[in-house]
Amino acid sequence: MARVAYVDGRYSDLPGAVVSVEDRGLQFADSVYEVIALVAGRLVDLDQHLARLVRSRRGLGLPAPMTDAGLRVVLREVVRRNRLRDGLLYLQVTRGQAPRNHAFPAEPRASLMVTLRSWTPFPSSLASGVAVVSCNDLRWQRCDLKTTGLLPNVLAKQRAQEAGAFECWMVKGGVVTEGASSNAWIVRDGSVHTHPLSHDVLGGITREVLLELAAANDIEILEEPFHPTDVRSAEEAFLTSTSSFVVPVISIDGNEIGDGIPGPVTRRLRELYRDHVYGPTG
């Protein structure tokens, strides 16, 4: 079955879904985006994703392409037309089409595009843990906004791939900020640590939900910076993202973490998040 996309009021097969060469998302990365997991026909944590989209838009002064209710209708229709039960939904809002000029157009008209692709949640291949490498964090100073200016992230992810690793954890001022497309966590002395929210990290939706699940289950999480040396000496480590949920990390830069297998805290948090997605009996 052909994939169906949405672009500015029109649903079409993916090859026919096009934007102007003068769209500011293409010319300047003047745009924001969200990736939302579709699991068993349900868009997971939809409210949180749309709230973050609004924060990102406002951070760039981007107008809304439509009302919140209208956007939800479009997202549901893209899901319906693609006839998928599990997938990753991508939506992007740009400042729209305008003659190329760095300054904002006088009367911008936001553009919206939505796509959906098949995807397998909680793949067994990740349950046994993954390797990460580290690299310098070269990103701009507003990483808390989910913009499409992702070239440093792309280079970091490519570094990981070339090293045979799953992810690259970025380091700024001697501190691990986050992964190229994930938040970073370690477990030390039974407590979970992750970088506090700031302009240096994106407030991940999986991160946000996991904090709530941990608090409800008496698992201590400390939002404080940690260093690469802390990772190497940690008992456990893991990463979180919408596209992979909770994934154990068993090595960094070739150095084994803990016993080199997923630890009990990570396994428990992964189980809690799975229950959040599917329900306790899922």
C-alpha atoms as a PDB file:
ATOM      1  CA  MET A   1       0.000   0.000   0.000  1.00  0.00           C
ATOM      2  CA  ALA A   2       1.344   3.459  -0.936  1.00  0.00           C
ATOM      3  CA  ARG A   3       2.101   5.818   1.935  1.00  0.00           C
ATOM      4  CA  VAL A   4      -0.154   8.859   2.245  1.00  0.00           C
ATOM      5  CA  ALA A   5       1.144  12.273   3.313  1.00  0.00           C
ATOM      6  CA  TYR A   6      -0.475  15.612   4.090  1.00  0.00           C
ATOM      7  CA  VAL A   7       0.874  18.955   2.865  1.00  0.00           C
ATOM      8  CA  ASP A   8      -1.068  22.203   3.334  1.00  0.00           C
ATOM      9  CA  GLY A   9      -4.603  20.943   2.937  1.00  0.00           C
ATOM     10  CA  ARG A  10      -3.901  18.121   0.494  1.00  0.00           C
ATOM     11  CA  TYR A  11      -3.578  14.386   1.108  1.00  0.00           C
ATOM     12  CA  SER A  12      -1.561  12.543  -1.520  1.00  0.00           C
ATOM     13  CA  ASP A  13       0.663   9.524  -2.087  1.00  0.00           C
ATOM     14  CA  LEU A  14       4.112  10.246  -0.717  1.00  0.00           C
ATOM     15  CA  PRO A  15       5.844  10.858  -4.116  1.00  0.00           C
ATOM     16  CA  GLY A  16       3.263  13.548  -4.858  1.00  0.00           C
ATOM     17  CA  ALA A  17       3.680  15.333  -1.523  1.00  0.00           C
ATOM     18  CA  VAL A  18       5.887  18.328  -2.349  1.00  0.00           C
ATOM     19  CA  VAL A  19       6.811  21.744  -0.984  1.00  0.00           C
ATOM     20  CA  SER A  20       8.133  24.833  -2.736  1.00  0.00           C
ATOM     21  CA  VAL A  21      11.881  25.269  -3.219  1.00  0.00           C
ATOM     22  CA  GLU A  22      11.348  28.655  -1.527  1.00  0.00           C
ATOM     23  CA  ASP A  23       9.859  27.167   1.618  1.00  0.00           C
ATOM     24  CA  ARG A  24      11.766  28.622   4.564  1.00  0.00           C
ATOM     25  CA  GLY A  25      11.982  25.200   6.184  1.00  0.00           C
ATOM     26  CA  LEU A  26      14.147  24.121   3.249  1.00  0.00           C
ATOM     27  CA  GLN A  27      16.061  27.384   2.826  1.00  0.00           C
ATOM     28  CA  PHE A  28      16.800  28.216   6.486  1.00  0.00           C
ATOM     29  CA  ALA A  29      15.611  25.280   8.643  1.00  0.00           C
ATOM     30  CA  ASP A  30      13.066  27.881   9.766  1.00  0.00           C
ATOM     31  CA  SER A  31      10.750  25.219  11.107  1.00  0.00           C
ATOM     32  CA  VAL A  32       9.889  22.951  14.012  1.00  0.00           C
ATOM     33  CA  TYR A  33       8.785  19.350  14.169  1.00  0.00           C
ATOM     34  CA  GLU A  34       7.535  16.472  16.289  1.00  0.00           C
ATOM     35  CA  VAL A  35       7.789  12.694  16.035  1.00  0.00           C
ATOM     36  CA  ILE A  36       4.904  10.805  17.663  1.00  0.00           C
ATOM     37  CA  ALA A  37       4.724   7.052  18.188  1.00  0.00           C
ATOM     38  CA  LEU A  38       1.649   5.236  16.929  1.00  0.00           C
ATOM     39  CA  VAL A  39       1.145   2.043  18.941  1.00  0.00           C
ATOM     40  CA  ALA A  40      -1.842  -0.263  18.516  1.00  0.00           C
ATOM     41  CA  GLY A  41      -3.637   2.507  16.662  1.00  0.00           C
ATOM     42  CA  ARG A  42      -3.081   5.159  19.359  1.00  0.00           C
ATOM     43  CA  LEU A  43      -0.821   8.206  19.142  1.00  0.00           C
ATOM     44  CA  VAL A  44       1.210   7.905  22.339  1.00  0.00           C
ATOM     45  CA  ASP A  45       1.487  11.011  24.559  1.00  0.00           C
ATOM     46  CA  LEU A  46      -0.168  13.141  21.892  1.00  0.00           C
ATOM     47  CA  ASP A  47      -1.097  15.988  24.245  1.00  0.00           C
ATOM     48  CA  GLN A  48       2.490  16.363  25.458  1.00  0.00           C
ATOM     49  CA  HIS A  49       3.865  16.345  21.923  1.00  0.00           C
ATOM     50  CA  LEU A  50       1.447  19.025  20.746  1.00  0.00           C
ATOM     51  CA  ALA A  51       2.202  21.153  23.816  1.00  0.00           C
ATOM     52  CA  ARG A  52       5.922  20.952  23.003  1.00  0.00           C
ATOM     53  CA  LEU A  53       5.180  21.844  19.386  1.00  0.00           C
ATOM     54  CA  VAL A  54       3.522  25.044  20.606  1.00  0.00           C
ATOM     55  CA  ARG A  55       6.535  25.862  22.809  1.00  0.00           C
ATOM     56  CA  SER A  56       8.915  25.319  19.903  1.00  0.00           C
ATOM     57  CA  ARG A  57       6.771  27.416  17.562  1.00  0.00           C
ATOM     58  CA  ARG A  58       6.568  30.269  20.015  1.00  0.00           C
ATOM     59  CA  GLY A  59      10.303  30.102  20.605  1.00  0.00           C
ATOM     60  CA  LEU A  60      10.823  30.871  16.902  1.00  0.00           C
ATOM     61  CA  GLY A  61       7.847  33.196  16.547  1.00  0.00           C
ATOM     62  CA  LEU A  62       6.227  30.776  14.100  1.00  0.00           C
ATOM     63  CA  PRO A  63       2.500  31.173  13.439  1.00  0.00           C
ATOM     64  CA  ALA A  64       0.195  28.211  13.900  1.00  0.00           C
ATOM     65  CA  PRO A  65      -0.820  26.471  10.654  1.00  0.00           C
ATOM     66  CA  MET A  66      -4.310  25.767  12.065  1.00  0.00           C
ATOM     67  CA  THR A  67      -6.160  25.336  15.337  1.00  0.00           C
ATOM     68  CA  ASP A  68      -5.229  22.585  17.767  1.00  0.00           C
ATOM     69  CA  ALA A  69      -8.516  20.822  17.007  1.00  0.00           C
ATOM     70  CA  GLY A  70      -7.870  21.046  13.274  1.00  0.00           C
ATOM     71  CA  LEU A  71      -4.361  19.667  13.666  1.00  0.00           C
ATOM     72  CA  ARG A  72      -5.665  16.682  15.624  1.00  0.00           C
ATOM     73  CA  VAL A  73      -8.139  15.969  12.836  1.00  0.00           C
ATOM     74  CA  VAL A  74      -5.334  16.005  10.260  1.00  0.00           C
ATOM     75  CA  LEU A  75      -3.175  13.662  12.333  1.00  0.00           C
ATOM     76  CA  ARG A  76      -6.028  11.176  12.810  1.00  0.00           C
ATOM     77  CA  GLU A  77      -6.821  11.304   9.097  1.00  0.00           C
ATOM     78  CA  VAL A  78      -3.192  10.598   8.137  1.00  0.00           C
ATOM     79  CA  VAL A  79      -3.273   7.583  10.452  1.00  0.00           C
ATOM     80  CA  ARG A  80      -6.577   6.394   8.972  1.00  0.00           C
ATOM     81  CA  ARG A  81      -5.447   6.747   5.366  1.00  0.00           C
ATOM     82  CA  ASN A  82      -2.198   4.882   5.980  1.00  0.00           C
ATOM     83  CA  ARG A  83      -3.981   1.979   7.679  1.00  0.00           C
ATOM     84  CA  LEU A  84      -1.172   1.372  10.148  1.00  0.00           C
ATOM     85  CA  ARG A  85      -1.401   0.137  13.728  1.00  0.00           C
ATOM     86  CA  ASP A  86       2.236   0.814  14.652  1.00  0.00           C
ATOM     87  CA  GLY A  87       4.285   3.606  13.172  1.00  0.00           C
ATOM     88  CA  LEU A  88       6.125   6.893  13.608  1.00  0.00           C
ATOM     89  CA  LEU A  89       4.204  10.016  12.673  1.00  0.00           C
ATOM     90  CA  TYR A  90       6.274  13.036  11.625  1.00  0.00           C
ATOM     91  CA  LEU A  91       4.840  16.541  11.508  1.00  0.00           C
ATOM     92  CA  GLN A  92       6.664  19.724  10.562  1.00  0.00           C
ATOM     93  CA  VAL A  93       5.587  23.362  10.686  1.00  0.00           C
ATOM     94  CA  THR A  94       7.556  25.913   8.651  1.00  0.00           C
ATOM     95  CA  ARG A  95       7.264  29.666   8.247  1.00  0.00           C
ATOM     96  CA  GLY A  96       6.040  28.910   4.765  1.00  0.00           C
ATOM     97  CA  GLN A  97       6.925  29.972   1.258  1.00  0.00           C
ATOM     98  CA  ALA A  98       8.524  33.371   0.661  1.00  0.00           C
ATOM     99  CA  PRO A  99      11.223  34.933  -1.545  1.00  0.00           C
ATOM    100  CA  ARG A 100      14.581  34.086   0.017  1.00  0.00           C
ATOM    101  CA  ASN A 101      15.449  36.709   2.625  1.00  0.00           C
ATOM    102  CA  HIS A 102      16.881  36.157   6.106  1.00  0.00           C
ATOM    103  CA  ALA A 103      14.335  38.458   7.744  1.00  0.00           C
ATOM    104  CA  PHE A 104      10.841  37.095   8.354  1.00  0.00           C
ATOM    105  CA  PRO A 105       8.290  37.712   5.597  1.00  0.00           C
ATOM    106  CA  ALA A 106       5.866  40.499   6.472  1.00  0.00           C
ATOM    107  CA  GLU A 107       2.843  38.214   6.442  1.00  0.00           C
ATOM    108  CA  PRO A 108       4.056  34.640   6.935  1.00  0.00           C
ATOM    109  CA  ARG A 109       1.665  31.800   6.268  1.00  0.00           C
ATOM    110  CA  ALA A 110       2.726  28.664   8.097  1.00  0.00           C
ATOM    111  CA  SER A 111       3.076  25.414   6.184  1.00  0.00           C
ATOM    112  CA  LEU A 112       2.232  22.001   7.642  1.00  0.00           C
ATOM    113  CA  MET A 113       3.403  18.602   6.441  1.00  0.00           C
ATOM    114  CA  VAL A 114       2.629  15.225   8.017  1.00  0.00           C
ATOM    115  CA  THR A 115       3.936  11.747   7.132  1.00  0.00           C
ATOM    116  CA  LEU A 116       3.653   8.310   8.714  1.00  0.00           C
ATOM    117  CA  ARG A 117       5.872   5.269   8.335  1.00  0.00           C
ATOM    118  CA  SER A 118       5.729   1.728   9.629  1.00  0.00           C
ATOM    119  CA  TRP A 119       7.717   0.982  12.791  1.00  0.00           C
ATOM    120  CA  THR A 120       8.056  -1.722  15.427  1.00  0.00           C
ATOM    121  CA  PRO A 121       7.779  -0.621  19.072  1.00  0.00           C
ATOM    122  CA  PHE A 122      10.034  -2.239  21.686  1.00  0.00           C
ATOM    123  CA  PRO A 123      12.068  -4.340  19.208  1.00  0.00           C
ATOM    124  CA  SER A 124      13.752  -7.310  20.833  1.00  0.00           C
ATOM    125  CA  SER A 125      17.041  -6.334  19.175  1.00  0.00           C
ATOM    126  CA  LEU A 126      17.392  -3.385  21.595  1.00  0.00           C
ATOM    127  CA  ALA A 127      16.391  -5.177  24.804  1.00  0.00           C
ATOM    128  CA  SER A 128      19.883  -6.584  25.408  1.00  0.00           C
ATOM    129  CA  GLY A 129      21.461  -3.144  25.277  1.00  0.00           C
ATOM    130  CA  VAL A 130      23.346  -0.912  22.861  1.00  0.00           C
ATOM    131  CA  ALA A 131      26.702   0.835  22.577  1.00  0.00           C
ATOM    132  CA  VAL A 132      27.176   4.587  22.499  1.00  0.00           C
ATOM    133  CA  VAL A 133      30.127   6.795  21.656  1.00  0.00           C
ATOM    134  CA  SER A 134      30.788  10.363  22.763  1.00  0.00           C
ATOM    135  CA  CYS A 135      31.528  13.535  20.819  1.00  0.00           C
ATOM    136  CA  ASN A 136      31.670  17.295  21.317  1.00  0.00           C
ATOM    137  CA  ASP A 137      28.304  19.031  21.402  1.00  0.00           C
ATOM    138  CA  LEU A 138      28.454  21.461  18.457  1.00  0.00           C
ATOM    139  CA  ARG A 139      24.802  22.523  18.448  1.00  0.00           C
ATOM    140  CA  TRP A 140      23.348  26.014  18.778  1.00  0.00           C
ATOM    141  CA  GLN A 141      22.312  27.537  22.105  1.00  0.00           C
ATOM    142  CA  ARG A 142      18.573  26.754  21.998  1.00  0.00           C
ATOM    143  CA  CYS A 143      18.528  22.966  21.950  1.00  0.00           C
ATOM    144  CA  ASP A 144      15.328  23.111  24.004  1.00  0.00           C
ATOM    145  CA  LEU A 145      13.458  24.068  20.824  1.00  0.00           C
ATOM    146  CA  LYS A 146      12.723  21.134  18.526  1.00  0.00           C
ATOM    147  CA  THR A 147      13.797  22.725  15.264  1.00  0.00           C
ATOM    148  CA  THR A 148      14.854  21.070  12.019  1.00  0.00           C
ATOM    149  CA  GLY A 149      18.355  22.573  12.224  1.00  0.00           C
ATOM    150  CA  LEU A 150      19.841  19.143  12.891  1.00  0.00           C
ATOM    151  CA  LEU A 151      23.161  19.020  11.024  1.00  0.00           C
ATOM    152  CA  PRO A 152      25.287  18.619  14.208  1.00  0.00           C
ATOM    153  CA  ASN A 153      22.935  15.822  15.288  1.00  0.00           C
ATOM    154  CA  VAL A 154      23.285  14.172  11.894  1.00  0.00           C
ATOM    155  CA  LEU A 155      27.092  14.307  12.113  1.00  0.00           C
ATOM    156  CA  ALA A 156      26.979  12.855  15.639  1.00  0.00           C
ATOM    157  CA  LYS A 157      24.675  10.041  14.545  1.00  0.00           C
ATOM    158  CA  GLN A 158      26.951   9.308  11.585  1.00  0.00           C
ATOM    159  CA  ARG A 159      29.933   9.129  13.962  1.00  0.00           C
ATOM    160  CA  ALA A 160      28.037   6.552  15.990  1.00  0.00           C
ATOM    161  CA  GLN A 161      27.160   4.520  12.922  1.00  0.00           C
ATOM    162  CA  GLU A 162      30.741   4.496  11.663  1.00  0.00           C
ATOM    163  CA  ALA A 163      31.871   3.308  15.119  1.00  0.00           C
ATOM    164  CA  GLY A 164      29.321   0.496  15.117  1.00  0.00           C
ATOM    165  CA  ALA A 165      27.339   2.165  17.899  1.00  0.00           C
ATOM    166  CA  PHE A 166      23.638   2.923  18.269  1.00  0.00           C
ATOM    167  CA  GLU A 167      23.907   6.507  19.496  1.00  0.00           C
ATOM    168  CA  CYS A 168      26.317   9.360  20.199  1.00  0.00           C
ATOM    169  CA  TRP A 169      26.183  11.133  23.560  1.00  0.00           C
ATOM    170  CA  MET A 170      27.283  14.744  23.246  1.00  0.00           C
ATOM    171  CA  VAL A 171      29.583  16.496  25.698  1.00  0.00           C
ATOM    172  CA  LYS A 172      29.609  20.242  26.409  1.00  0.00           C
ATOM    173  CA  GLY A 173      31.862  21.822  29.019  1.00  0.00           C
ATOM    174  CA  GLY A 174      32.830  18.381  30.257  1.00  0.00           C
ATOM    175  CA  VAL A 175      29.200  17.414  30.861  1.00  0.00           C
ATOM    176  CA  VAL A 176      27.075  14.888  28.959  1.00  0.00           C
ATOM    177  CA  THR A 177      24.095  16.851  27.620  1.00  0.00           C
ATOM    178  CA  GLU A 178      22.097  14.291  25.617  1.00  0.00           C
ATOM    179  CA  GLY A 179      22.220  11.999  22.617  1.00  0.00           C
ATOM    180  CA  ALA A 180      21.960  12.959  18.964  1.00  0.00           C
ATOM    181  CA  SER A 181      18.291  11.930  19.066  1.00  0.00           C
ATOM    182  CA  SER A 182      17.727  10.865  22.663  1.00  0.00           C
ATOM    183  CA  ASN A 183      18.073  11.831  26.313  1.00  0.00           C
ATOM    184  CA  ALA A 184      20.908  10.278  28.330  1.00  0.00           C
ATOM    185  CA  TRP A 185      20.625   8.634  31.768  1.00  0.00           C
ATOM    186  CA  ILE A 186      22.884   6.784  34.206  1.00  0.00           C
ATOM    187  CA  VAL A 187      22.303   4.881  37.444  1.00  0.00           C
ATOM    188  CA  ARG A 188      24.714   5.431  40.365  1.00  0.00           C
ATOM    189  CA  ASP A 189      24.250   4.179  43.933  1.00  0.00           C
ATOM    190  CA  GLY A 190      20.728   3.128  43.015  1.00  0.00           C
ATOM    191  CA  SER A 191      19.665   6.622  41.899  1.00  0.00           C
ATOM    192  CA  VAL A 192      18.938   7.643  38.309  1.00  0.00           C
ATOM    193  CA  HIS A 193      20.636  10.774  36.946  1.00  0.00           C
ATOM    194  CA  THR A 194      19.817  12.841  33.863  1.00  0.00           C
ATOM    195  CA  HIS A 195      20.735  16.345  32.718  1.00  0.00           C
ATOM    196  CA  PRO A 196      18.349  19.025  34.041  1.00  0.00           C
ATOM    197  CA  LEU A 197      16.196  20.918  31.572  1.00  0.00           C
ATOM    198  CA  SER A 198      17.965  23.944  30.121  1.00  0.00           C
ATOM    199  CA  HIS A 199      18.737  25.513  26.755  1.00  0.00           C
ATOM    200  CA  ASP A 200      21.345  22.751  26.327  1.00  0.00           C
ATOM    201  CA  VAL A 201      18.881  19.847  26.097  1.00  0.00           C
ATOM    202  CA  LEU A 202      15.542  19.035  24.551  1.00  0.00           C
ATOM    203  CA  GLY A 203      12.795  18.208  27.006  1.00  0.00           C
ATOM    204  CA  GLY A 204      12.033  14.742  25.659  1.00  0.00           C
ATOM    205  CA  ILE A 205       8.443  13.538  25.957  1.00  0.00           C
ATOM    206  CA  THR A 206       9.596  10.041  26.917  1.00  0.00           C
ATOM    207  CA  ARG A 207      11.860  11.741  29.476  1.00  0.00           C
ATOM    208  CA  GLU A 208       8.918  13.712  30.870  1.00  0.00           C
ATOM    209  CA  VAL A 209       6.681  10.661  31.204  1.00  0.00           C
ATOM    210  CA  LEU A 210       9.467   8.526  32.670  1.00  0.00           C
ATOM    211  CA  LEU A 211      10.045  11.090  35.419  1.00  0.00           C
ATOM    212  CA  GLU A 212       6.362  10.789  36.343  1.00  0.00           C
ATOM    213  CA  LEU A 213       6.422   6.991  36.250  1.00  0.00           C
ATOM    214  CA  ALA A 214       9.554   6.861  38.381  1.00  0.00           C
ATOM    215  CA  ALA A 215       8.089   9.205  41.008  1.00  0.00           C
ATOM    216  CA  ALA A 216       4.915   7.118  41.171  1.00  0.00           C
ATOM    217  CA  ASN A 217       6.991   3.967  41.742  1.00  0.00           C
ATOM    218  CA  ASP A 218       9.471   5.314  44.315  1.00  0.00           C
ATOM    219  CA  ILE A 219      12.445   5.361  41.935  1.00  0.00           C
ATOM    220  CA  GLU A 220      14.690   8.331  42.707  1.00  0.00           C
ATOM    221  CA  ILE A 221      15.713  10.458  39.745  1.00  0.00           C
ATOM    222  CA  LEU A 222      18.154  13.320  40.183  1.00  0.00           C
ATOM    223  CA  GLU A 223      18.142  15.988  37.479  1.00  0.00           C
ATOM    224  CA  GLU A 224      21.773  16.992  37.637  1.00  0.00           C
ATOM    225  CA  PRO A 225      24.712  17.060  35.211  1.00  0.00           C
ATOM    226  CA  PHE A 226      27.082  14.115  34.914  1.00  0.00           C
ATOM    227  CA  HIS A 227      30.420  13.621  33.195  1.00  0.00           C
ATOM    228  CA  PRO A 228      31.748  10.999  30.758  1.00  0.00           C
ATOM    229  CA  THR A 229      33.817   9.547  33.609  1.00  0.00           C
ATOM    230  CA  ASP A 230      30.588   9.139  35.585  1.00  0.00           C
ATOM    231  CA  VAL A 231      29.143   7.118  32.717  1.00  0.00           C
ATOM    232  CA  ARG A 232      32.122   4.773  32.635  1.00  0.00           C
ATOM    233  CA  SER A 233      31.864   4.171  36.395  1.00  0.00           C
ATOM    234  CA  ALA A 234      28.050   3.939  36.461  1.00  0.00           C
ATOM    235  CA  GLU A 235      26.183   0.808  37.491  1.00  0.00           C
ATOM    236  CA  GLU A 236      23.773   1.192  34.571  1.00  0.00           C
ATOM    237  CA  ALA A 237      22.963   3.548  31.739  1.00  0.00           C
ATOM    238  CA  PHE A 238      20.119   3.963  29.275  1.00  0.00           C
ATOM    239  CA  LEU A 239      18.654   6.345  26.733  1.00  0.00           C
ATOM    240  CA  THR A 240      15.119   7.464  25.973  1.00  0.00           C
ATOM    241  CA  SER A 241      13.350   8.791  22.896  1.00  0.00           C
ATOM    242  CA  THR A 242      10.018   8.552  21.122  1.00  0.00           C
ATOM    243  CA  SER A 243      11.493   6.317  18.432  1.00  0.00           C
ATOM    244  CA  SER A 244      13.033   3.830  20.872  1.00  0.00           C
ATOM    245  CA  PHE A 245      11.326   4.497  24.243  1.00  0.00           C
ATOM    246  CA  VAL A 246      13.732   3.098  26.920  1.00  0.00           C
ATOM    247  CA  VAL A 247      16.918   1.375  25.715  1.00  0.00           C
ATOM    248  CA  PRO A 248      19.719  -0.022  27.942  1.00  0.00           C
ATOM    249  CA  VAL A 249      23.227   1.291  27.208  1.00  0.00           C
ATOM    250  CA  ILE A 250      25.955  -1.257  27.980  1.00  0.00           C
ATOM    251  CA  SER A 251      29.109   0.500  26.755  1.00  0.00           C
ATOM    252  CA  ILE A 252      30.473   3.950  25.960  1.00  0.00           C
ATOM    253  CA  ASP A 253      33.493   4.535  23.717  1.00  0.00           C
ATOM    254  CA  GLY A 254      34.259   0.815  23.955  1.00  0.00           C
ATOM    255  CA  ASN A 255      34.217   0.781  27.767  1.00  0.00           C
ATOM    256  CA  GLU A 256      31.757  -1.616  29.391  1.00  0.00           C
ATOM    257  CA  ILE A 257      29.195  -0.075  31.744  1.00  0.00           C
ATOM    258  CA  GLY A 258      28.474  -2.036  34.917  1.00  0.00           C
ATOM    259  CA  ASP A 259      28.303  -5.745  34.135  1.00  0.00           C
ATOM    260  CA  GLY A 260      27.832  -5.081  30.422  1.00  0.00           C
ATOM    261  CA  ILE A 261      24.175  -6.174  30.572  1.00  0.00           C
ATOM    262  CA  PRO A 262      20.940  -4.251  31.235  1.00  0.00           C
ATOM    263  CA  GLY A 263      20.624  -3.590  34.954  1.00  0.00           C
ATOM    264  CA  PRO A 264      17.581  -3.971  37.227  1.00  0.00           C
ATOM    265  CA  VAL A 265      16.676  -0.270  37.388  1.00  0.00           C
ATOM    266  CA  THR A 266      16.779   0.082  33.610  1.00  0.00           C
ATOM    267  CA  ARG A 267      14.731  -3.081  33.145  1.00  0.00           C
ATOM    268  CA  ARG A 268      12.148  -1.830  35.643  1.00  0.00           C
ATOM    269  CA  LEU A 269      11.841   1.569  33.953  1.00  0.00           C
ATOM    270  CA  ARG A 270      11.537  -0.086  30.557  1.00  0.00           C
ATOM    271  CA  GLU A 271       8.763  -2.288  31.935  1.00  0.00           C
ATOM    272  CA  LEU A 272       6.953   0.717  33.439  1.00  0.00           C
ATOM    273  CA  TYR A 273       7.109   2.573  30.157  1.00  0.00           C
ATOM    274  CA  ARG A 274       5.856  -0.442  28.248  1.00  0.00           C
ATOM    275  CA  ASP A 275       2.900  -0.620  30.628  1.00  0.00           C
ATOM    276  CA  HIS A 276       2.310   3.086  30.037  1.00  0.00           C
ATOM    277  CA  VAL A 277       2.161   2.478  26.287  1.00  0.00           C
ATOM    278  CA  TYR A 278       0.154  -0.754  26.212  1.00  0.00           C
ATOM    279  CA  GLY A 279      -1.514  -0.849  29.626  1.00  0.00           C
ATOM    280  CA  PRO A 280      -0.510  -3.202  32.486  1.00  0.00           C
ATOM    281  CA  THR A 281      -2.010  -6.239  30.721  1.00  0.00           C
ATOM    282  CA  GLY A 282      -0.487  -5.405  27.296  1.00  0.00           C
END
